[in-house]
């Protein structure tokens, strides 16, 4: 088996891959900075965390609702036509927020509504690029995406917090916007790897795939993953504070985040054999087994070790959810499918944070961990149910009827081998 670095190096040496992956990675760093940047800016302006939370919540909801609509436009008109307009609107919304020209809540909603989900656009390009015999490398490509996302959410909030603590909260929001716009425009400029467009009739027919069980199951699994994340965020903090050691929350998060990166890196490097749906079911079951002890463990070392174990399974689920989403819908709605999955996760995080907070108030941190464990159980049930979808994967179109964006040298994506 080749080394992990060799696997990822080989993938990035695929013609055109690095040229779109790196700009998208830069842009997603800015995306990871945007929410926390708004918190710092609005709190500095108003002195109220409640106001900052309200604006950030408006931003998150708008992002979750508008993301799939931008994805729909991308599927219809192409990345190179839609991205510049979306990015221009995003830059204008950020300018309104920084200038205080409109109420902060309105500006926050506009920032979220115009934020393109660059990770979904990058994933769609991988699907188009790794077609034919190269399709077996798709799990490794999505593992690379997960690594880029994980690194962004490790480095981005920390960078914004440094700027905010130095008394320059506006600089964090401005830097985030510059990375999003710069990375997005560089991505849009890579015309050679843009996914080929499909005809109007095919798009109309393909939209039904978003209502089929194969896709809905993966979207529901993404929602459950979001619930898991949201409950964990609240519960780890509550555990540390409840023990009178609030500083312990940071190393606990760090343990989980580090193994998260390791798990994604290792799975992407592995030669994948057998059914990916079975891999997903096994990963969900492992996450359930690893999560249940958190409902009763009390010693910090034991809790930290258990959190580290959960971190190994989470990226595998994220990667496989992306791969199985890709195989469950036609190319004509692929970007929409990815963005709906992202929105489902965001909705799960937001909802779980509120629910877990109430549970923690009444049952303590162990109750909050119970919410996370319950989400893992739901993921296991959904993944086991997805085993029945193995014969319902939707084949990708072989010849686009209307193409306004060229993908020279790139065959249409094929159905990812699942067994």
Protein backbone atom coordinates (compact mmCIF):
# COMPACT_ATOMS: atom_id res chain seq x y z
CA UNK A 1 0.00 0.00 0.00
CA UNK A 2 1.42 3.40 -0.96
CA UNK A 3 2.12 5.91 1.75
CA UNK A 4 -0.50 8.48 2.60
CA UNK A 5 1.60 11.37 1.32
CA UNK A 6 2.12 9.52 -1.96
CA UNK A 7 -1.65 8.99 -2.32
CA UNK A 8 -2.43 12.64 -1.76
CA UNK A 9 0.51 13.80 -3.90
CA UNK A 10 -0.66 11.60 -6.76
CA UNK A 11 -4.17 12.98 -6.44
CA UNK A 12 -3.02 16.61 -6.52
CA UNK A 13 -0.81 15.87 -9.54
CA UNK A 14 -3.91 14.95 -11.53
CA UNK A 15 -4.15 17.52 -14.28
CA UNK A 16 -6.00 20.59 -13.03
CA UNK A 17 -6.59 19.29 -9.49
CA UNK A 18 -4.25 21.53 -7.51
CA UNK A 19 -5.33 24.55 -9.57
CA UNK A 20 -8.89 24.37 -8.20
CA UNK A 21 -8.30 22.68 -4.84
CA UNK A 22 -5.86 25.28 -3.47
CA UNK A 23 -8.01 28.37 -4.23
CA UNK A 24 -11.03 26.59 -2.75
CA UNK A 25 -8.98 25.78 0.37
CA UNK A 26 -8.02 29.46 0.71
CA UNK A 27 -11.66 30.46 0.35
CA UNK A 28 -12.90 27.96 2.92
CA UNK A 29 -10.38 29.34 5.42
CA UNK A 30 -12.17 32.66 5.01
CA UNK A 31 -15.54 30.94 5.43
CA UNK A 32 -14.32 29.39 8.69
CA UNK A 33 -13.34 32.86 9.90
CA UNK A 34 -16.55 34.67 8.98
CA UNK A 35 -18.92 33.58 11.76
CA UNK A 36 -16.51 34.13 14.65
CA UNK A 37 -15.39 37.37 13.01
CA UNK A 38 -18.98 38.64 13.17
CA UNK A 39 -19.12 37.72 16.86
CA UNK A 40 -16.00 39.77 17.62
CA UNK A 41 -17.11 42.74 15.50
CA UNK A 42 -20.68 43.00 16.81
CA UNK A 43 -19.61 42.50 20.42
CA UNK A 44 -17.00 45.24 20.08
CA UNK A 45 -19.62 47.51 18.58
CA UNK A 46 -22.45 46.82 21.04
CA UNK A 47 -20.78 45.35 24.13
CA UNK A 48 -23.40 42.59 24.08
CA UNK A 49 -22.81 38.90 23.46
CA UNK A 50 -26.57 38.48 23.04
CA UNK A 51 -26.53 40.90 20.12
CA UNK A 52 -23.46 39.20 18.67
CA UNK A 53 -25.14 35.82 18.96
CA UNK A 54 -28.32 37.08 17.30
CA UNK A 55 -26.44 38.49 14.31
CA UNK A 56 -24.31 35.36 13.99
CA UNK A 57 -27.44 33.22 14.17
CA UNK A 58 -29.01 35.26 11.38
CA UNK A 59 -25.85 34.81 9.34
CA UNK A 60 -25.87 31.03 9.88
CA UNK A 61 -29.56 30.59 9.02
CA UNK A 62 -29.23 32.72 5.88
CA UNK A 63 -26.17 30.73 4.81
CA UNK A 64 -27.99 27.42 5.33
CA UNK A 65 -31.10 28.54 3.42
CA UNK A 66 -29.40 30.41 0.57
CA UNK A 67 -26.55 27.94 0.00
CA UNK A 68 -28.65 25.38 -1.91
CA UNK A 69 -30.20 28.16 -4.00
CA UNK A 70 -26.75 29.34 -5.07
CA UNK A 71 -25.93 25.68 -5.74
CA UNK A 72 -29.01 25.43 -7.96
CA UNK A 73 -27.84 28.43 -9.99
CA UNK A 74 -24.39 26.88 -10.30
CA UNK A 75 -25.86 23.62 -11.59
CA UNK A 76 -27.86 25.58 -14.17
CA UNK A 77 -25.40 28.25 -15.31
CA UNK A 78 -21.97 26.99 -14.16
CA UNK A 79 -19.42 28.06 -11.57
CA UNK A 80 -17.62 30.60 -13.77
CA UNK A 81 -20.85 32.53 -14.43
CA UNK A 82 -22.39 32.41 -10.96
CA UNK A 83 -19.37 32.78 -8.66
CA UNK A 84 -18.26 36.33 -9.65
CA UNK A 85 -21.74 37.75 -9.04
CA UNK A 86 -22.17 35.91 -5.73
CA UNK A 87 -18.73 37.01 -4.55
CA UNK A 88 -19.39 40.62 -5.55
CA UNK A 89 -22.63 40.56 -3.57
CA UNK A 90 -20.79 39.03 -0.61
CA UNK A 91 -18.13 41.75 -0.70
CA UNK A 92 -20.89 44.38 -0.74
CA UNK A 93 -22.66 42.76 2.23
CA UNK A 94 -19.43 42.68 4.24
CA UNK A 95 -18.84 46.34 3.39
CA UNK A 96 -22.32 47.17 4.77
CA UNK A 97 -21.52 45.28 7.96
CA UNK A 98 -18.16 46.98 8.47
CA UNK A 99 -19.55 50.44 7.72
CA UNK A 100 -22.59 49.96 9.95
CA UNK A 101 -24.70 51.31 7.10
CA UNK A 102 -27.62 49.02 7.96
CA UNK A 103 -28.64 47.26 11.19
CA UNK A 104 -26.14 44.57 12.13
CA UNK A 105 -28.74 41.80 11.91
CA UNK A 106 -29.68 42.79 8.36
CA UNK A 107 -26.03 42.95 7.36
CA UNK A 108 -25.32 39.57 8.98
CA UNK A 109 -28.19 37.96 7.06
CA UNK A 110 -26.91 39.47 3.80
CA UNK A 111 -23.39 38.21 4.48
CA UNK A 112 -24.71 34.68 5.04
CA UNK A 113 -27.08 34.75 2.08
CA UNK A 114 -24.30 35.69 -0.35
CA UNK A 115 -21.62 33.32 0.97
CA UNK A 116 -20.95 30.62 -1.66
CA UNK A 117 -20.20 27.15 -0.29
CA UNK A 118 -16.83 26.73 -1.99
CA UNK A 119 -16.35 23.27 -0.51
CA UNK A 120 -19.40 22.03 -2.44
CA UNK A 121 -18.07 23.58 -5.65
CA UNK A 122 -14.68 21.93 -5.13
CA UNK A 123 -16.35 18.57 -4.44
CA UNK A 124 -18.34 18.85 -7.68
CA UNK A 125 -15.10 19.43 -9.58
CA UNK A 126 -13.51 16.34 -8.02
CA UNK A 127 -16.53 14.32 -9.13
CA UNK A 128 -16.12 15.53 -12.71
CA UNK A 129 -12.35 15.17 -12.75
CA UNK A 130 -12.17 11.66 -11.27
CA UNK A 131 -14.33 10.01 -13.87
CA UNK A 132 -14.06 6.62 -15.54
CA UNK A 133 -11.27 4.45 -14.19
CA UNK A 134 -10.13 7.21 -11.82
CA UNK A 135 -13.39 7.10 -9.85
CA UNK A 136 -11.90 4.82 -7.21
CA UNK A 137 -9.84 7.81 -6.00
CA UNK A 138 -12.96 9.80 -5.09
CA UNK A 139 -12.92 8.83 -1.36
CA UNK A 140 -9.32 10.06 -1.17
CA UNK A 141 -10.33 13.33 -2.85
CA UNK A 142 -13.14 13.87 -0.36
CA UNK A 143 -10.74 12.98 2.46
CA UNK A 144 -8.49 15.77 1.19
CA UNK A 145 -11.50 18.09 1.25
CA UNK A 146 -12.25 17.04 4.84
CA UNK A 147 -8.63 17.71 5.85
CA UNK A 148 -8.74 21.17 4.29
CA UNK A 149 -12.00 21.87 6.08
CA UNK A 150 -10.64 20.62 9.42
CA UNK A 151 -7.49 22.72 9.13
CA UNK A 152 -9.57 25.77 8.23
CA UNK A 153 -11.71 25.46 11.33
CA UNK A 154 -8.63 24.96 13.49
CA UNK A 155 -6.67 27.93 12.12
CA UNK A 156 -9.41 30.35 11.03
CA UNK A 157 -11.18 31.05 14.34
CA UNK A 158 -7.82 31.26 16.13
CA UNK A 159 -6.57 33.88 13.67
CA UNK A 160 -9.73 35.96 13.99
CA UNK A 161 -9.55 35.73 17.78
CA UNK A 162 -5.95 37.00 17.75
CA UNK A 163 -7.03 40.03 15.72
CA UNK A 164 -10.07 40.58 17.92
CA UNK A 165 -8.05 40.34 21.13
CA UNK A 166 -5.62 42.88 19.66
CA UNK A 167 -8.48 45.36 19.34
CA UNK A 168 -9.00 44.96 15.58
CA UNK A 169 -12.23 42.95 15.20
CA UNK A 170 -13.02 44.58 11.87
CA UNK A 171 -9.72 43.31 10.47
CA UNK A 172 -10.83 39.72 11.06
CA UNK A 173 -14.05 40.18 9.08
CA UNK A 174 -12.19 42.03 6.33
CA UNK A 175 -9.50 39.34 6.08
CA UNK A 176 -12.15 36.62 5.97
CA UNK A 177 -13.95 38.37 3.11
CA UNK A 178 -10.67 38.90 1.22
CA UNK A 179 -9.88 35.18 1.45
CA UNK A 180 -13.40 34.15 0.37
CA UNK A 181 -13.51 36.57 -2.56
CA UNK A 182 -9.91 35.99 -3.64
CA UNK A 183 -10.12 32.21 -3.37
CA UNK A 184 -13.55 32.15 -5.04
CA UNK A 185 -12.47 34.28 -8.00
CA UNK A 186 -9.34 32.15 -8.47
CA UNK A 187 -11.55 29.06 -8.43
CA UNK A 188 -13.94 30.57 -10.99
CA UNK A 189 -10.97 31.31 -13.26
CA UNK A 190 -10.18 27.58 -13.54
CA UNK A 191 -12.47 26.90 -16.49
CA UNK A 192 -10.83 23.66 -17.60
CA UNK A 193 -12.08 21.67 -14.60
CA UNK A 194 -15.58 23.12 -14.32
CA UNK A 195 -18.22 20.36 -14.37
CA UNK A 196 -20.00 20.22 -17.76
CA UNK A 197 -23.55 21.49 -17.72
CA UNK A 198 -26.63 19.51 -18.64
CA UNK A 199 -29.75 20.25 -20.67
CA UNK A 200 -32.93 21.82 -19.35
CA UNK A 201 -34.94 18.63 -19.66
CA UNK A 202 -32.30 16.62 -17.83
CA UNK A 203 -32.16 19.17 -15.01
CA UNK A 204 -35.93 19.01 -14.62
CA UNK A 205 -35.88 15.23 -14.41
CA UNK A 206 -32.78 15.15 -12.19
CA UNK A 207 -34.44 17.34 -9.55
CA UNK A 208 -36.56 14.36 -8.52
CA UNK A 209 -33.41 12.59 -7.34
CA UNK A 210 -33.26 15.02 -4.41
CA UNK A 211 -36.49 13.47 -3.14
CA UNK A 212 -35.34 9.85 -3.38
CA UNK A 213 -34.47 7.82 -0.32
CA UNK A 214 -30.84 7.29 -1.31
CA UNK A 215 -30.13 11.04 -1.16
CA UNK A 216 -32.52 11.88 1.67
CA UNK A 217 -30.89 9.25 3.85
CA UNK A 218 -27.47 10.87 3.34
CA UNK A 219 -28.91 14.34 4.02
CA UNK A 220 -30.52 13.02 7.20
CA UNK A 221 -27.21 11.50 8.21
CA UNK A 222 -25.61 14.92 7.70
CA UNK A 223 -28.30 16.42 9.93
CA UNK A 224 -27.54 13.84 12.63
CA UNK A 225 -23.82 14.60 12.32
CA UNK A 226 -24.65 18.26 12.90
CA UNK A 227 -26.63 17.32 16.01
CA UNK A 228 -23.63 15.34 17.23
CA UNK A 229 -21.28 18.32 16.71
CA UNK A 230 -23.64 20.82 18.32
CA UNK A 231 -24.28 18.64 21.37
CA UNK A 232 -20.57 17.94 21.82
CA UNK A 233 -19.67 21.63 21.73
CA UNK A 234 -22.07 22.41 24.55
CA UNK A 235 -21.37 19.27 26.57
CA UNK A 236 -17.57 19.48 26.57
CA UNK A 237 -17.75 23.07 27.80
CA UNK A 238 -20.34 22.14 30.43
CA UNK A 239 -18.19 19.22 31.60
CA UNK A 240 -15.11 21.42 32.05
CA UNK A 241 -17.02 24.22 33.77
CA UNK A 242 -18.92 21.80 35.98
CA UNK A 243 -15.65 20.42 37.33
CA UNK A 244 -14.45 23.92 38.13
CA UNK A 245 -11.73 23.72 35.45
CA UNK A 246 -13.04 25.73 32.48
CA UNK A 247 -9.53 25.85 30.99
CA UNK A 248 -9.75 22.08 30.47
CA UNK A 249 -12.24 22.57 27.63
CA UNK A 250 -9.51 23.67 25.21
CA UNK A 251 -7.31 20.54 25.52
CA UNK A 252 -10.40 18.33 25.32
CA UNK A 253 -11.44 19.98 22.07
CA UNK A 254 -7.84 19.75 20.86
CA UNK A 255 -7.69 15.99 21.49
CA UNK A 256 -10.84 15.42 19.46
CA UNK A 257 -9.78 17.77 16.64
CA UNK A 258 -6.34 16.20 16.29
CA UNK A 259 -7.68 12.66 16.00
CA UNK A 260 -10.32 14.00 13.62
CA UNK A 261 -7.55 15.10 11.27
CA UNK A 262 -5.66 11.83 11.74
CA UNK A 263 -8.77 9.76 11.05
CA UNK A 264 -9.58 11.62 7.85
CA UNK A 265 -5.97 11.49 6.67
CA UNK A 266 -5.68 7.75 7.31
CA UNK A 267 -8.99 6.85 5.68
CA UNK A 268 -8.13 8.88 2.58
CA UNK A 269 -4.81 7.05 2.27
CA UNK A 270 -6.33 3.59 2.61
CA UNK A 271 -7.01 1.42 -0.43
CA UNK A 272 -10.79 1.19 -0.28
CA UNK A 273 -12.27 -2.22 -0.96
CA UNK A 274 -15.74 -3.57 -0.37
CA UNK A 275 -18.96 -1.64 -0.03
CA UNK A 276 -18.60 1.99 1.05
CA UNK A 277 -22.07 1.80 2.56
CA UNK A 278 -20.82 -0.96 4.84
CA UNK A 279 -17.87 1.27 5.76
CA UNK A 280 -20.35 4.02 6.64
CA UNK A 281 -22.43 1.69 8.81
CA UNK A 282 -19.30 0.44 10.58
CA UNK A 283 -18.05 3.99 11.21
CA UNK A 284 -21.44 5.03 12.61
CA UNK A 285 -21.53 1.99 14.88
CA UNK A 286 -17.99 2.74 16.11
CA UNK A 287 -18.99 6.33 16.84
CA UNK A 288 -21.96 5.09 18.85
CA UNK A 289 -19.81 2.69 20.89
CA UNK A 290 -17.23 5.42 21.52
CA UNK A 291 -19.86 8.01 22.52
CA UNK A 292 -21.88 6.00 25.01
CA UNK A 293 -19.19 5.98 27.78
CA UNK A 294 -19.29 9.78 27.83
CA UNK A 295 -22.71 9.56 29.45
CA UNK A 296 -21.15 8.26 32.68
CA UNK A 297 -17.36 8.81 32.65
CA UNK A 298 -16.09 11.43 35.10
CA UNK A 299 -12.26 11.35 35.07
CA UNK A 300 -10.75 13.98 32.72
CA UNK A 301 -8.23 11.56 31.20
CA UNK A 302 -10.94 9.02 30.46
CA UNK A 303 -13.19 11.68 28.92
CA UNK A 304 -10.30 13.04 26.84
CA UNK A 305 -9.37 9.58 25.56
CA UNK A 306 -12.99 8.83 24.68
CA UNK A 307 -13.37 12.14 22.85
CA UNK A 308 -10.23 11.27 20.90
CA UNK A 309 -11.82 7.98 19.85
CA UNK A 310 -14.95 9.72 18.60
CA UNK A 311 -12.71 12.03 16.58
CA UNK A 312 -11.40 9.07 14.60
CA UNK A 313 -14.84 8.04 13.33
CA UNK A 314 -16.32 11.45 12.51
CA UNK A 315 -14.18 12.30 9.43
CA UNK A 316 -14.81 8.85 7.96
CA UNK A 317 -18.55 9.53 8.17
CA UNK A 318 -18.10 12.96 6.59
CA UNK A 319 -16.07 11.52 3.71
CA UNK A 320 -18.45 8.65 3.04
CA UNK A 321 -21.50 10.91 3.23
CA UNK A 322 -19.96 13.03 0.46
CA UNK A 323 -19.08 10.00 -1.67
CA UNK A 324 -22.51 8.40 -1.29
CA UNK A 325 -24.26 11.71 -1.94
CA UNK A 326 -22.26 11.98 -5.16
CA UNK A 327 -23.39 8.53 -6.26
CA UNK A 328 -27.06 9.07 -5.36
CA UNK A 329 -27.88 12.03 -7.64
CA UNK A 330 -27.30 12.93 -11.30
CA UNK A 331 -24.65 15.46 -12.22
CA UNK A 332 -27.36 18.01 -13.08
CA UNK A 333 -28.15 18.57 -9.37
CA UNK A 334 -24.84 17.56 -7.79
CA UNK A 335 -23.88 20.99 -6.43
CA UNK A 336 -27.36 21.38 -4.94
CA UNK A 337 -27.03 17.98 -3.31
CA UNK A 338 -23.72 18.88 -1.68
CA UNK A 339 -25.02 22.23 -0.44
CA UNK A 340 -28.20 20.67 0.95
CA UNK A 341 -25.99 18.27 2.90
CA UNK A 342 -23.98 21.19 4.28
CA UNK A 343 -27.16 23.04 5.19
CA UNK A 344 -28.54 19.98 6.97
CA UNK A 345 -25.38 19.75 9.09
CA UNK A 346 -25.57 23.46 9.90
CA UNK A 347 -29.21 23.11 10.93
CA UNK A 348 -28.31 20.14 13.13
CA UNK A 349 -25.55 22.08 14.86
CA UNK A 350 -27.80 25.07 15.53
CA UNK A 351 -30.71 23.00 16.79
CA UNK A 352 -28.59 20.69 18.91
CA UNK A 353 -26.82 23.57 20.63
CA UNK A 354 -30.18 24.81 21.90
CA UNK A 355 -31.53 21.37 22.83
CA UNK A 356 -28.32 20.20 24.48
CA UNK A 357 -28.15 23.43 26.44
CA UNK A 358 -31.55 22.74 27.97
CA UNK A 359 -30.62 19.13 28.71
CA UNK A 360 -27.35 20.21 30.35
CA UNK A 361 -29.25 22.66 32.56
CA UNK A 362 -31.37 19.83 33.93
CA UNK A 363 -29.17 16.72 33.66
CA UNK A 364 -25.64 18.10 33.57
CA UNK A 365 -22.88 17.45 31.03
CA UNK A 366 -23.60 13.71 30.98
CA UNK A 367 -27.11 14.49 29.73
CA UNK A 368 -25.65 16.60 26.93
CA UNK A 369 -23.31 13.78 25.98
CA UNK A 370 -26.42 11.59 25.90
CA UNK A 371 -27.86 13.83 23.17
CA UNK A 372 -24.65 13.33 21.14
CA UNK A 373 -24.76 9.57 21.71
CA UNK A 374 -28.40 9.54 20.62
CA UNK A 375 -27.40 11.28 17.39
CA UNK A 376 -24.75 8.59 16.84
CA UNK A 377 -27.40 5.90 17.29
CA UNK A 378 -29.59 7.64 14.69
CA UNK A 379 -26.61 7.75 12.30
CA UNK A 380 -26.11 4.01 12.76
CA UNK A 381 -29.77 3.30 11.98
CA UNK A 382 -29.64 5.53 8.90
CA UNK A 383 -26.39 3.98 7.68
CA UNK A 384 -27.79 0.47 8.11
CA UNK A 385 -30.87 1.55 6.18
CA UNK A 386 -28.63 2.91 3.42
CA UNK A 387 -27.34 -0.62 2.79
CA UNK A 388 -30.62 -1.20 0.99
CA UNK A 389 -29.85 1.70 -1.37
CA UNK A 390 -26.86 -0.07 -2.92
CA UNK A 391 -28.81 -0.87 -6.07
CA UNK A 392 -30.41 2.56 -6.43
CA UNK A 393 -27.37 4.72 -7.19
CA UNK A 394 -28.17 7.16 -9.98
CA UNK A 395 -25.92 6.94 -13.04
CA UNK A 396 -24.37 10.18 -14.20
CA UNK A 397 -25.32 11.64 -17.55
CA UNK A 398 -22.97 10.70 -20.36
CA UNK A 399 -23.56 13.60 -22.71
CA UNK A 400 -24.65 17.08 -21.64
CA UNK A 401 -27.25 18.53 -23.96
CA UNK A 402 -26.41 22.17 -23.30
CA UNK A 403 -22.90 23.17 -22.29
CA UNK A 404 -21.87 26.77 -21.79
CA UNK A 405 -18.89 25.93 -19.61
CA UNK A 406 -16.16 23.75 -21.05
CA UNK A 407 -14.49 20.97 -19.15
CA UNK A 408 -11.86 20.18 -21.73
CA UNK A 409 -10.30 16.80 -21.36
CA UNK A 410 -12.74 15.84 -18.62
CA UNK A 411 -15.27 13.04 -19.09
CA UNK A 412 -18.57 13.22 -17.22
CA UNK A 413 -18.47 11.70 -13.75
CA UNK A 414 -19.53 8.11 -13.36
CA UNK A 415 -21.26 6.22 -10.59
CA UNK A 416 -18.79 5.69 -7.78
CA UNK A 417 -18.12 1.98 -7.26
CA UNK A 418 -19.73 0.96 -4.01
CA UNK A 419 -19.03 -2.73 -4.01
